[in-house]
Protein backbone atom coordinates (compact mmCIF):
# COMPACT_ATOMS: atom_id res chain seq x y z
CA UNK A 1 19.15 -10.65 -77.24
CA UNK A 2 20.76 -9.69 -73.95
CA UNK A 3 21.48 -6.07 -73.06
CA UNK A 4 25.27 -6.41 -73.31
CA UNK A 5 24.94 -7.67 -76.90
CA UNK A 6 22.77 -4.68 -77.69
CA UNK A 7 25.34 -2.34 -76.15
CA UNK A 8 28.07 -3.97 -78.23
CA UNK A 9 26.05 -3.52 -81.41
CA UNK A 10 25.63 0.17 -80.60
CA UNK A 11 29.37 0.51 -79.95
CA UNK A 12 30.19 -1.00 -83.35
CA UNK A 13 27.62 1.22 -85.06
CA UNK A 14 29.06 4.29 -83.34
CA UNK A 15 32.58 3.37 -84.44
CA UNK A 16 31.40 2.80 -88.02
CA UNK A 17 29.55 6.11 -88.21
CA UNK A 18 32.54 7.93 -86.76
CA UNK A 19 34.85 6.35 -89.34
CA UNK A 20 32.45 7.18 -92.16
CA UNK A 21 32.15 10.82 -91.07
CA UNK A 22 35.93 11.11 -90.88
CA UNK A 23 36.31 9.46 -94.30
CA UNK A 24 33.94 11.93 -95.97
CA UNK A 25 35.47 14.92 -94.18
CA UNK A 26 38.90 13.89 -95.44
CA UNK A 27 37.54 13.29 -98.93
CA UNK A 28 36.01 16.79 -98.95
CA UNK A 29 39.29 18.32 -97.83
CA UNK A 30 41.32 16.43 -100.40
CA UNK A 31 39.30 17.00 -103.53
CA UNK A 32 39.71 19.98 -105.81
CA UNK A 33 36.39 19.37 -107.58
CA UNK A 34 33.76 21.73 -106.11
CA UNK A 35 30.80 19.43 -106.83
CA UNK A 36 32.53 16.42 -105.25
CA UNK A 37 33.54 18.55 -102.26
CA UNK A 38 29.91 19.59 -101.75
CA UNK A 39 28.70 15.98 -101.94
CA UNK A 40 31.38 14.74 -99.52
CA UNK A 41 30.53 17.53 -97.08
CA UNK A 42 26.85 16.55 -97.20
CA UNK A 43 27.74 12.90 -96.61
CA UNK A 44 29.95 13.91 -93.67
CA UNK A 45 27.04 15.89 -92.19
CA UNK A 46 24.70 12.92 -92.56
CA UNK A 47 27.17 10.56 -90.92
CA UNK A 48 27.74 13.02 -88.08
CA UNK A 49 23.99 13.25 -87.57
CA UNK A 50 23.74 9.45 -87.46
CA UNK A 51 26.65 9.33 -85.03
CA UNK A 52 25.00 11.81 -82.68
CA UNK A 53 21.67 9.96 -82.80
CA UNK A 54 23.37 6.66 -82.01
CA UNK A 55 25.28 8.21 -79.10
CA UNK A 56 22.08 9.71 -77.71
CA UNK A 57 20.19 6.43 -77.95
CA UNK A 58 23.11 4.49 -76.47
CA UNK A 59 23.22 6.88 -73.50
CA UNK A 60 19.45 6.49 -73.01
CA UNK A 61 19.74 2.71 -73.06
CA UNK A 62 22.62 2.75 -70.59
CA UNK A 63 20.63 4.99 -68.26
CA UNK A 64 17.53 2.81 -68.36
CA UNK A 65 19.56 -0.37 -67.91
CA UNK A 66 21.15 0.95 -64.71
């Protein structure tokens, strides 16, 4: 796999994690059920964590590829 393909895969993964985090944040805000709200907030946190890890790794790869 060439480096540009790898970068593109990371970009797609970053977009997907961002969308997932936003989805769960919206779900948490729009539910009146306390248990569901708690679960959605936890999912949003997990997706945000994944997003940050992907961004960090992507930046590292870009730096080493330069």
